[in-house]
Amino acid sequence: MSGLLSNLRSTLIVSLILSVVVIAGYEVHNGALDAIFWQALLRWMHVVFGILWIGLLYYFNFVQIPKMPEIPAELKPAITKYIAPEALFWFRWAALLTWVMGLILAWSRGFILQAITLGATEGFQVPQHTFIGLGMWLGTIMFLNVWVFIWPAQKIALGIVEGDAEAKARAGRTAMLFSRTNTLLSLPMLATMTMNQTIFG
């Protein structure tokens, strides 16, 4: 068992196999590969990618950013050259996949237009569409912050793209501010995503 758990790839493969078994059990219980089953599968994928995305967002904001000033200069390259680029790889792709899965899920459930318009197409008479639409817009802003502001700035700050010391400092601050913006938006976004399903079904 320790050999399995010592290797991340093996651990994830076994986790995925166990997930497929559980998902197959739901399919048997559901009795068909119908729209409900595919929506459940999409919701699972949306949540998996979302956990990876928001988990890394919180790692950056709760751990890496606050601790960086305390790290001795000679040790900082371990973070900036190895840990941060790898974390940012998973961070940005998890953001994209979370966003895409969310849109596909809303489309498959038949309320994408209502959500995008925050319920305006229904005269704001269906609060569940307004709330989930708010969450989708917050998630979209967060997703765009990752790809349009955080990642380009981090490439400069980490030296992946050339820049002098002033440009790196400015880029680091830009990345931090947009990352903090996403942290600020994350809790209300998660409130809409979790409470909507429970309150409105």
Protein backbone atom coordinates (compact mmCIF):
# COMPACT_ATOMS: atom_id res chain seq x y z
CA MET A 1 0.00 0.00 0.00
CA SER A 2 2.82 2.42 0.79
CA GLY A 3 4.21 1.85 -2.72
CA LEU A 4 0.87 2.83 -4.21
CA LEU A 5 0.53 5.92 -2.04
CA SER A 6 4.14 6.97 -2.62
CA ASN A 7 3.39 7.51 -6.32
CA LEU A 8 0.90 10.29 -7.09
CA ARG A 9 0.06 8.94 -10.54
CA SER A 10 -0.75 5.48 -9.14
CA THR A 11 -2.81 7.02 -6.36
CA LEU A 12 -4.84 9.07 -8.84
CA ILE A 13 -5.35 6.09 -11.17
CA VAL A 14 -6.73 3.98 -8.33
CA SER A 15 -8.88 6.89 -7.16
CA LEU A 16 -10.26 7.28 -10.69
CA ILE A 17 -10.96 3.53 -10.95
CA LEU A 18 -12.83 3.63 -7.63
CA SER A 19 -14.75 6.68 -8.88
CA VAL A 20 -15.74 4.82 -12.06
CA VAL A 21 -17.05 1.95 -9.90
CA VAL A 22 -19.11 4.39 -7.82
CA ILE A 23 -20.34 6.20 -10.95
CA ALA A 24 -21.30 2.84 -12.50
CA GLY A 25 -23.27 2.08 -9.34
CA TYR A 26 -25.21 5.31 -9.78
CA GLU A 27 -25.85 4.41 -13.42
CA VAL A 28 -27.23 1.01 -12.40
CA HIS A 29 -29.43 2.67 -9.76
CA ASN A 30 -30.56 5.33 -12.25
CA GLY A 31 -31.33 2.62 -14.80
CA ALA A 32 -30.28 4.58 -17.87
CA LEU A 33 -27.61 6.83 -19.34
CA ASP A 34 -30.16 9.63 -19.49
CA ALA A 35 -29.87 13.40 -19.07
CA ILE A 36 -30.02 13.14 -15.27
CA PHE A 37 -27.07 10.74 -15.20
CA TRP A 38 -24.94 12.95 -17.50
CA GLN A 39 -25.80 16.03 -15.45
CA ALA A 40 -24.68 14.21 -12.31
CA LEU A 41 -21.41 13.24 -14.02
CA LEU A 42 -20.86 16.82 -15.24
CA ARG A 43 -21.53 18.15 -11.73
CA TRP A 44 -18.94 15.72 -10.32
CA MET A 45 -16.36 16.86 -12.88
CA HIS A 46 -17.22 20.52 -12.22
CA VAL A 47 -16.66 20.00 -8.50
CA VAL A 48 -13.40 18.03 -8.94
CA PHE A 49 -11.85 20.73 -11.12
CA GLY A 50 -13.30 23.44 -8.87
CA ILE A 51 -11.69 21.93 -5.77
CA LEU A 52 -8.33 21.84 -7.54
CA TRP A 53 -8.70 25.45 -8.70
CA ILE A 54 -9.95 26.98 -5.46
CA GLY A 55 -7.63 24.80 -3.37
CA LEU A 56 -4.63 26.20 -5.22
CA LEU A 57 -6.07 29.73 -5.01
CA TYR A 58 -6.23 29.32 -1.24
CA TYR A 59 -2.73 27.79 -1.13
CA PHE A 60 -1.35 30.87 -2.90
CA ASN A 61 -3.23 33.32 -0.69
CA PHE A 62 -3.11 31.57 2.68
CA VAL A 63 0.40 30.05 2.44
CA GLN A 64 2.71 31.12 -0.38
CA ILE A 65 2.11 34.88 -0.60
CA PRO A 66 2.16 35.52 3.18
CA LYS A 67 5.26 33.35 3.71
CA MET A 68 7.38 34.55 0.77
CA PRO A 69 8.77 37.62 2.63
CA GLU A 70 10.01 35.31 5.42
CA ILE A 71 11.90 32.96 3.11
CA PRO A 72 15.65 33.67 2.90
CA ALA A 73 16.71 35.03 -0.51
CA GLU A 74 18.86 32.00 -1.29
CA LEU A 75 15.85 29.68 -0.80
CA LYS A 76 13.30 31.67 -2.84
CA PRO A 77 14.33 30.09 -6.18
CA ALA A 78 12.94 26.78 -4.88
CA ILE A 79 9.52 28.42 -4.87
CA THR A 80 9.81 30.67 -7.93
CA LYS A 81 11.53 28.18 -10.24
CA TYR A 82 9.95 24.89 -9.18
CA ILE A 83 6.85 25.05 -6.95
CA ALA A 84 5.05 28.15 -8.24
CA PRO A 85 5.27 27.34 -11.99
CA GLU A 86 3.95 23.81 -11.36
CA ALA A 87 1.17 25.08 -9.08
CA LEU A 88 0.23 27.73 -11.66
CA PHE A 89 0.02 25.07 -14.38
CA TRP A 90 -2.62 23.12 -12.44
CA PHE A 91 -4.24 26.34 -11.22
CA ARG A 92 -4.92 27.85 -14.63
CA TRP A 93 -6.05 24.61 -16.33
CA ALA A 94 -8.29 23.72 -13.39
CA ALA A 95 -9.84 27.20 -13.71
CA LEU A 96 -10.55 26.64 -17.40
CA LEU A 97 -11.99 23.16 -16.91
CA THR A 98 -14.14 24.28 -13.96
CA TRP A 99 -15.57 27.11 -16.04
CA VAL A 100 -16.18 24.92 -19.12
CA MET A 101 -17.83 22.16 -17.08
CA GLY A 102 -20.04 24.75 -15.37
CA LEU A 103 -21.23 26.13 -18.70
CA ILE A 104 -21.89 22.66 -20.10
CA LEU A 105 -23.79 21.74 -16.94
CA ALA A 106 -25.96 24.88 -17.14
CA TRP A 107 -26.61 24.19 -20.83
CA SER A 108 -27.50 20.55 -20.18
CA ARG A 109 -29.93 21.58 -17.45
CA GLY A 110 -31.59 24.06 -19.80
CA PHE A 111 -31.02 27.32 -17.93
CA ILE A 112 -27.84 28.78 -19.44
CA LEU A 113 -29.55 31.80 -21.04
CA GLN A 114 -31.62 32.47 -17.93
CA ALA A 115 -28.49 32.29 -15.76
CA ILE A 116 -26.34 34.45 -18.03
CA THR A 117 -29.03 37.15 -17.95
CA LEU A 118 -29.42 36.74 -14.15
CA GLY A 119 -33.06 35.84 -14.71
CA ALA A 120 -33.88 38.90 -16.82
CA THR A 121 -35.34 36.72 -19.60
CA GLU A 122 -37.97 35.60 -17.06
CA GLY A 123 -38.59 39.03 -15.57
CA PHE A 124 -36.49 38.10 -12.52
CA GLN A 125 -39.31 35.81 -11.37
CA VAL A 126 -37.14 32.68 -10.95
CA PRO A 127 -34.69 33.40 -8.11
CA GLN A 128 -32.73 30.18 -8.62
CA HIS A 129 -31.65 31.40 -12.06
CA THR A 130 -30.67 34.79 -10.66
CA PHE A 131 -28.60 33.23 -7.88
CA ILE A 132 -26.88 30.60 -10.03
CA GLY A 133 -26.32 33.25 -12.70
CA LEU A 134 -24.62 35.43 -10.11
CA GLY A 135 -22.37 32.51 -9.20
CA MET A 136 -21.61 31.85 -12.86
CA TRP A 137 -20.68 35.49 -13.44
CA LEU A 138 -18.46 35.53 -10.34
CA GLY A 139 -16.80 32.32 -11.57
CA THR A 140 -16.36 33.85 -15.04
CA ILE A 141 -14.70 36.95 -13.60
CA MET A 142 -12.42 34.72 -11.54
CA PHE A 143 -11.59 32.54 -14.56
CA LEU A 144 -10.77 35.62 -16.66
CA ASN A 145 -8.63 37.02 -13.85
CA VAL A 146 -6.57 33.82 -13.93
CA TRP A 147 -5.94 33.80 -17.67
CA VAL A 148 -5.93 37.53 -18.51
CA PHE A 149 -4.15 38.99 -15.47
CA ILE A 150 -2.68 36.48 -13.00
CA TRP A 151 -0.93 34.08 -15.38
CA PRO A 152 0.60 36.76 -17.69
CA ALA A 153 1.81 38.71 -14.65
CA GLN A 154 3.19 35.61 -12.95
CA LYS A 155 5.18 34.73 -16.08
CA ILE A 156 7.02 38.05 -15.70
CA ALA A 157 7.29 37.85 -11.90
CA LEU A 158 8.74 34.33 -12.03
CA GLY A 159 11.14 35.09 -14.88
CA ILE A 160 9.42 32.82 -17.40
CA VAL A 161 9.11 35.95 -19.56
CA GLU A 162 11.92 38.50 -19.55
CA GLY A 163 11.57 41.56 -17.35
CA ASP A 164 13.79 43.77 -15.24
CA ALA A 165 13.52 43.94 -11.44
CA GLU A 166 10.98 46.77 -11.58
CA ALA A 167 8.80 44.92 -14.11
CA LYS A 168 8.97 41.75 -11.99
CA ALA A 169 7.96 43.62 -8.84
CA ARG A 170 5.08 45.35 -10.64
CA ALA A 171 3.93 42.05 -12.18
CA GLY A 172 4.14 40.29 -8.81
CA ARG A 173 1.92 42.94 -7.26
CA THR A 174 -0.57 42.73 -10.15
CA ALA A 175 -0.76 38.95 -9.81
CA MET A 176 -1.24 39.24 -6.06
CA LEU A 177 -4.03 41.83 -6.34
CA PHE A 178 -5.99 39.80 -8.89
CA SER A 179 -5.41 36.65 -6.86
CA ARG A 180 -6.77 38.44 -3.79
CA THR A 181 -9.73 39.63 -5.88
CA ASN A 182 -10.46 35.99 -6.70
CA THR A 183 -10.17 35.08 -3.02
CA LEU A 184 -12.65 37.85 -2.20
CA LEU A 185 -15.09 36.58 -4.86
CA SER A 186 -14.63 32.90 -4.02
CA LEU A 187 -16.84 32.72 -0.92
CA PRO A 188 -19.93 34.41 -2.44
CA MET A 189 -19.40 32.35 -5.61
CA LEU A 190 -19.27 29.14 -3.56
CA ALA A 191 -22.35 30.24 -1.60
CA THR A 192 -24.37 30.43 -4.82
CA MET A 193 -23.02 27.12 -6.11
CA THR A 194 -23.67 25.15 -2.92
CA MET A 195 -26.85 26.76 -1.62
CA ASN A 196 -28.67 26.94 -4.96
CA GLN A 197 -28.82 23.17 -5.36
CA THR A 198 -29.94 22.66 -1.75
CA ILE A 199 -32.55 25.45 -1.57
CA PHE A 200 -34.01 25.10 -5.05
CA GLY A 201 -33.12 21.47 -5.92
